[in-house]
């Protein structure tokens, strides 16, 4: 395991046996013996090898390089899958919230229309000689005038919003 991992990591770093030997202050034949499995480095040398190759000792001793890379890709793909699921759930919650807000807006518009038609503009018969009544009457009349003109447009927009935010099955 050590010999194979050491050779794979050395080659992936673009080092020759001679270059690694210089970094470790050993002869090239020592590196060759380690990579062929004819001998093994001692614990201190193993630490020096891991530092020279920039890899953990555990990788040199047991973890195969391909498995570690495959595991990291698998872990990344699992994390991306979780993130995509969370984003989809957030999008569904937002769409659902918008859908119900549009429905509530339609309901409020219809209720206000019925309330205004049932009231039959009672403030038109008020005595506008009193300043307080005049202010309230003008405010109610302005609200009714503005509501009657804008509410149909808002109602149509809300109905379109309901159609676009409904759950597609």
C-alpha atoms as a PDB file:
ATOM      1  CA  UNK A   1       0.000   0.000   0.000  1.00  0.00           C
ATOM      2  CA  UNK A   2       2.718   2.478   1.024  1.00  0.00           C
ATOM      3  CA  UNK A   3       4.844   1.755  -2.019  1.00  0.00           C
ATOM      4  CA  UNK A   4       1.947   2.194  -4.478  1.00  0.00           C
ATOM      5  CA  UNK A   5       0.619   5.341  -2.807  1.00  0.00           C
ATOM      6  CA  UNK A   6       4.057   6.898  -2.594  1.00  0.00           C
ATOM      7  CA  UNK A   7       4.712   6.281  -6.287  1.00  0.00           C
ATOM      8  CA  UNK A   8       1.291   7.606  -7.393  1.00  0.00           C
ATOM      9  CA  UNK A   9       1.579  10.754  -5.273  1.00  0.00           C
ATOM     10  CA  UNK A  10       5.183  11.421  -6.361  1.00  0.00           C
ATOM     11  CA  UNK A  11       4.226  11.143 -10.018  1.00  0.00           C
ATOM     12  CA  UNK A  12       1.106  13.304  -9.551  1.00  0.00           C
ATOM     13  CA  UNK A  13       3.344  16.010  -8.056  1.00  0.00           C
ATOM     14  CA  UNK A  14       5.619  15.768 -11.098  1.00  0.00           C
ATOM     15  CA  UNK A  15       8.670  14.666  -9.098  1.00  0.00           C
ATOM     16  CA  UNK A  16      11.243  12.150 -10.211  1.00  0.00           C
ATOM     17  CA  UNK A  17      12.772   9.652  -7.808  1.00  0.00           C
ATOM     18  CA  UNK A  18      15.966  11.725  -7.861  1.00  0.00           C
ATOM     19  CA  UNK A  19      14.157  14.978  -6.995  1.00  0.00           C
ATOM     20  CA  UNK A  20      12.337  13.347  -4.082  1.00  0.00           C
ATOM     21  CA  UNK A  21      15.595  11.780  -2.908  1.00  0.00           C
ATOM     22  CA  UNK A  22      17.240  15.229  -2.841  1.00  0.00           C
ATOM     23  CA  UNK A  23      14.351  16.639  -0.777  1.00  0.00           C
ATOM     24  CA  UNK A  24      14.655  13.780   1.721  1.00  0.00           C
ATOM     25  CA  UNK A  25      18.492  13.697   1.789  1.00  0.00           C
ATOM     26  CA  UNK A  26      18.638  10.050   0.661  1.00  0.00           C
ATOM     27  CA  UNK A  27      19.922   8.352  -2.457  1.00  0.00           C
ATOM     28  CA  UNK A  28      17.650   7.608  -5.421  1.00  0.00           C
ATOM     29  CA  UNK A  29      17.985   3.854  -4.887  1.00  0.00           C
ATOM     30  CA  UNK A  30      16.332   4.226  -1.466  1.00  0.00           C
ATOM     31  CA  UNK A  31      13.276   5.815  -3.070  1.00  0.00           C
ATOM     32  CA  UNK A  32      13.251   3.016  -5.656  1.00  0.00           C
ATOM     33  CA  UNK A  33      13.365   0.325  -2.933  1.00  0.00           C
ATOM     34  CA  UNK A  34      10.475   1.996  -1.066  1.00  0.00           C
ATOM     35  CA  UNK A  35       8.365   2.202  -4.224  1.00  0.00           C
ATOM     36  CA  UNK A  36       9.101  -1.424  -5.156  1.00  0.00           C
ATOM     37  CA  UNK A  37       8.178  -2.578  -1.652  1.00  0.00           C
ATOM     38  CA  UNK A  38      11.655  -4.004  -0.967  1.00  0.00           C
ATOM     39  CA  UNK A  39      12.025  -1.848   2.155  1.00  0.00           C
ATOM     40  CA  UNK A  40       9.993   0.625   4.199  1.00  0.00           C
ATOM     41  CA  UNK A  41      10.955   3.987   5.684  1.00  0.00           C
ATOM     42  CA  UNK A  42      11.040   4.468   9.434  1.00  0.00           C
ATOM     43  CA  UNK A  43       8.442   6.646  11.233  1.00  0.00           C
ATOM     44  CA  UNK A  44      10.520   9.843  11.108  1.00  0.00           C
ATOM     45  CA  UNK A  45      11.244   9.366   7.413  1.00  0.00           C
ATOM     46  CA  UNK A  46       7.547   8.675   6.763  1.00  0.00           C
ATOM     47  CA  UNK A  47       6.711  12.092   8.235  1.00  0.00           C
ATOM     48  CA  UNK A  48       9.408  13.695   6.067  1.00  0.00           C
ATOM     49  CA  UNK A  49       8.010  11.956   2.977  1.00  0.00           C
ATOM     50  CA  UNK A  50       4.485  13.198   3.731  1.00  0.00           C
ATOM     51  CA  UNK A  51       5.806  16.752   4.137  1.00  0.00           C
ATOM     52  CA  UNK A  52       7.855  16.571   0.931  1.00  0.00           C
ATOM     53  CA  UNK A  53       4.870  15.228  -1.031  1.00  0.00           C
ATOM     54  CA  UNK A  54       2.361  17.537   0.713  1.00  0.00           C
ATOM     55  CA  UNK A  55       0.031  14.716   1.701  1.00  0.00           C
ATOM     56  CA  UNK A  56      -1.077  13.240   5.055  1.00  0.00           C
ATOM     57  CA  UNK A  57       0.700  10.183   6.432  1.00  0.00           C
ATOM     58  CA  UNK A  58      -2.640   8.347   6.537  1.00  0.00           C
ATOM     59  CA  UNK A  59      -2.905   8.696   2.773  1.00  0.00           C
ATOM     60  CA  UNK A  60       0.571   7.251   2.348  1.00  0.00           C
ATOM     61  CA  UNK A  61      -0.174   4.331   4.650  1.00  0.00           C
ATOM     62  CA  UNK A  62      -3.656   3.247   3.718  1.00  0.00           C
ATOM     63  CA  UNK A  63      -5.961   5.396   1.737  1.00  0.00           C
ATOM     64  CA  UNK A  64      -5.699   4.793  -1.949  1.00  0.00           C
ATOM     65  CA  UNK A  65      -5.595   7.921  -4.021  1.00  0.00           C
ATOM     66  CA  UNK A  66      -8.397   6.972  -6.409  1.00  0.00           C
ATOM     67  CA  UNK A  67     -10.804   6.074  -3.592  1.00  0.00           C
ATOM     68  CA  UNK A  68     -10.173   9.350  -1.793  1.00  0.00           C
ATOM     69  CA  UNK A  69     -10.839  11.275  -4.991  1.00  0.00           C
ATOM     70  CA  UNK A  70     -13.986   9.272  -5.735  1.00  0.00           C
ATOM     71  CA  UNK A  71     -15.180   9.737  -2.147  1.00  0.00           C
ATOM     72  CA  UNK A  72     -14.653  13.482  -2.351  1.00  0.00           C
ATOM     73  CA  UNK A  73     -16.593  13.659  -5.636  1.00  0.00           C
ATOM     74  CA  UNK A  74     -19.369  11.577  -4.108  1.00  0.00           C
ATOM     75  CA  UNK A  75     -19.465  13.820  -1.034  1.00  0.00           C
ATOM     76  CA  UNK A  76     -19.585  16.942  -3.204  1.00  0.00           C
ATOM     77  CA  UNK A  77     -22.390  15.504  -5.343  1.00  0.00           C
ATOM     78  CA  UNK A  78     -24.361  14.577  -2.203  1.00  0.00           C
ATOM     79  CA  UNK A  79     -23.921  18.095  -0.815  1.00  0.00           C
ATOM     80  CA  UNK A  80     -25.027  19.610  -4.128  1.00  0.00           C
ATOM     81  CA  UNK A  81     -28.069  17.350  -4.143  1.00  0.00           C
ATOM     82  CA  UNK A  82     -29.016  18.534  -0.647  1.00  0.00           C
ATOM     83  CA  UNK A  83     -28.520  22.184  -1.648  1.00  0.00           C
ATOM     84  CA  UNK A  84     -30.644  21.724  -4.788  1.00  0.00           C
ATOM     85  CA  UNK A  85     -33.393  20.105  -2.723  1.00  0.00           C
ATOM     86  CA  UNK A  86     -33.314  22.988  -0.227  1.00  0.00           C
ATOM     87  CA  UNK A  87     -33.480  25.552  -3.030  1.00  0.00           C
ATOM     88  CA  UNK A  88     -36.423  23.735  -4.631  1.00  0.00           C
ATOM     89  CA  UNK A  89     -38.257  23.643  -1.296  1.00  0.00           C
ATOM     90  CA  UNK A  90     -37.605  27.368  -0.758  1.00  0.00           C
ATOM     91  CA  UNK A  91     -38.893  28.141  -4.249  1.00  0.00           C
ATOM     92  CA  UNK A  92     -42.043  26.078  -3.623  1.00  0.00           C
ATOM     93  CA  UNK A  93     -42.665  27.850  -0.299  1.00  0.00           C
ATOM     94  CA  UNK A  94     -42.289  31.271  -1.928  1.00  0.00           C
ATOM     95  CA  UNK A  95     -44.590  30.321  -4.799  1.00  0.00           C
ATOM     96  CA  UNK A  96     -47.142  28.937  -2.359  1.00  0.00           C
ATOM     97  CA  UNK A  97     -46.979  32.109  -0.244  1.00  0.00           C
ATOM     98  CA  UNK A  98     -47.441  34.309  -3.307  1.00  0.00           C
ATOM     99  CA  UNK A  99     -50.330  32.136  -4.453  1.00  0.00           C
ATOM    100  CA  UNK A 100     -52.177  32.585  -1.156  1.00  0.00           C
ATOM    101  CA  UNK A 101     -51.380  36.300  -1.030  1.00  0.00           C
ATOM    102  CA  UNK A 102     -52.976  36.735  -4.466  1.00  0.00           C
ATOM    103  CA  UNK A 103     -56.032  34.793  -3.309  1.00  0.00           C
ATOM    104  CA  UNK A 104     -56.282  36.960  -0.175  1.00  0.00           C
ATOM    105  CA  UNK A 105     -55.950  40.119  -2.296  1.00  0.00           C
ATOM    106  CA  UNK A 106     -58.807  38.964  -4.544  1.00  0.00           C
ATOM    107  CA  UNK A 107     -60.938  38.207  -1.496  1.00  0.00           C
ATOM    108  CA  UNK A 108     -60.265  41.640   0.038  1.00  0.00           C
ATOM    109  CA  UNK A 109     -61.124  43.397  -3.230  1.00  0.00           C
ATOM    110  CA  UNK A 110     -64.407  41.489  -3.559  1.00  0.00           C
ATOM    111  CA  UNK A 111     -65.331  42.151   0.082  1.00  0.00           C
ATOM    112  CA  UNK A 112     -64.613  45.878  -0.236  1.00  0.00           C
ATOM    113  CA  UNK A 113     -66.658  46.031  -3.464  1.00  0.00           C
ATOM    114  CA  UNK A 114     -69.620  44.417  -1.709  1.00  0.00           C
ATOM    115  CA  UNK A 115     -69.204  46.707   1.302  1.00  0.00           C
ATOM    116  CA  UNK A 116     -69.135  49.820  -0.903  1.00  0.00           C
ATOM    117  CA  UNK A 117     -72.145  48.711  -2.921  1.00  0.00           C
ATOM    118  CA  UNK A 118     -74.080  47.811   0.240  1.00  0.00           C
ATOM    119  CA  UNK A 119     -73.247  51.177   1.802  1.00  0.00           C
ATOM    120  CA  UNK A 120     -74.580  52.943  -1.312  1.00  0.00           C
ATOM    121  CA  UNK A 121     -72.399  55.981  -0.634  1.00  0.00           C
ATOM    122  CA  UNK A 122     -74.207  57.211   2.506  1.00  0.00           C
ATOM    123  CA  UNK A 123     -71.706  60.032   2.953  1.00  0.00           C
ATOM    124  CA  UNK A 124     -73.162  61.814  -0.086  1.00  0.00           C
ATOM    125  CA  UNK A 125     -76.206  62.771   2.034  1.00  0.00           C
ATOM    126  CA  UNK A 126     -74.129  64.101   4.934  1.00  0.00           C
ATOM    127  CA  UNK A 127     -74.149  67.747   6.032  1.00  0.00           C
ATOM    128  CA  UNK A 128     -70.797  69.041   4.798  1.00  0.00           C
ATOM    129  CA  UNK A 129     -71.221  72.257   6.809  1.00  0.00           C
ATOM    130  CA  UNK A 130     -69.424  70.601   9.720  1.00  0.00           C
ATOM    131  CA  UNK A 131     -65.653  70.610   8.946  1.00  0.00           C
ATOM    132  CA  UNK A 132     -64.986  67.201  10.526  1.00  0.00           C
ATOM    133  CA  UNK A 133     -67.760  65.517   8.553  1.00  0.00           C
ATOM    134  CA  UNK A 134     -66.554  67.270   5.401  1.00  0.00           C
ATOM    135  CA  UNK A 135     -63.039  65.879   5.832  1.00  0.00           C
ATOM    136  CA  UNK A 136     -64.302  62.338   6.490  1.00  0.00           C
ATOM    137  CA  UNK A 137     -66.770  62.536   3.580  1.00  0.00           C
ATOM    138  CA  UNK A 138     -64.124  63.747   1.147  1.00  0.00           C
ATOM    139  CA  UNK A 139     -61.706  61.031   2.329  1.00  0.00           C
ATOM    140  CA  UNK A 140     -64.334  58.301   1.897  1.00  0.00           C
ATOM    141  CA  UNK A 141     -65.343  59.645  -1.501  1.00  0.00           C
ATOM    142  CA  UNK A 142     -61.691  59.804  -2.632  1.00  0.00           C
ATOM    143  CA  UNK A 143     -61.130  56.231  -1.426  1.00  0.00           C
ATOM    144  CA  UNK A 144     -64.221  54.979  -3.234  1.00  0.00           C
ATOM    145  CA  UNK A 145     -63.337  56.849  -6.427  1.00  0.00           C
ATOM    146  CA  UNK A 146     -59.757  55.534  -6.426  1.00  0.00           C
ATOM    147  CA  UNK A 147     -60.787  51.999  -5.399  1.00  0.00           C
ATOM    148  CA  UNK A 148     -63.451  51.660  -8.083  1.00  0.00           C
ATOM    149  CA  UNK A 149     -60.944  52.627 -10.761  1.00  0.00           C
ATOM    150  CA  UNK A 150     -57.893  50.697  -9.564  1.00  0.00           C
ATOM    151  CA  UNK A 151     -59.453  47.580  -8.021  1.00  0.00           C
ATOM    152  CA  UNK A 152     -60.458  45.927 -11.332  1.00  0.00           C
ATOM    153  CA  UNK A 153     -56.904  46.238 -12.626  1.00  0.00           C
ATOM    154  CA  UNK A 154     -55.463  44.868  -9.375  1.00  0.00           C
ATOM    155  CA  UNK A 155     -58.083  42.095  -9.358  1.00  0.00           C
ATOM    156  CA  UNK A 156     -57.154  41.021 -12.890  1.00  0.00           C
ATOM    157  CA  UNK A 157     -53.458  41.104 -11.953  1.00  0.00           C
ATOM    158  CA  UNK A 158     -54.116  39.031  -8.842  1.00  0.00           C
ATOM    159  CA  UNK A 159     -56.098  36.450 -10.818  1.00  0.00           C
ATOM    160  CA  UNK A 160     -53.256  36.187 -13.319  1.00  0.00           C
ATOM    161  CA  UNK A 161     -50.863  35.837 -10.361  1.00  0.00           C
ATOM    162  CA  UNK A 162     -52.994  33.017  -8.963  1.00  0.00           C
ATOM    163  CA  UNK A 163     -52.862  31.216 -12.296  1.00  0.00           C
ATOM    164  CA  UNK A 164     -49.077  31.589 -12.596  1.00  0.00           C
ATOM    165  CA  UNK A 165     -48.348  30.515  -9.018  1.00  0.00           C
ATOM    166  CA  UNK A 166     -50.679  27.524  -8.854  1.00  0.00           C
ATOM    167  CA  UNK A 167     -49.056  24.176  -8.196  1.00  0.00           C
ATOM    168  CA  UNK A 168     -48.319  22.348 -11.413  1.00  0.00           C
ATOM    169  CA  UNK A 169     -48.838  18.617 -11.260  1.00  0.00           C
END
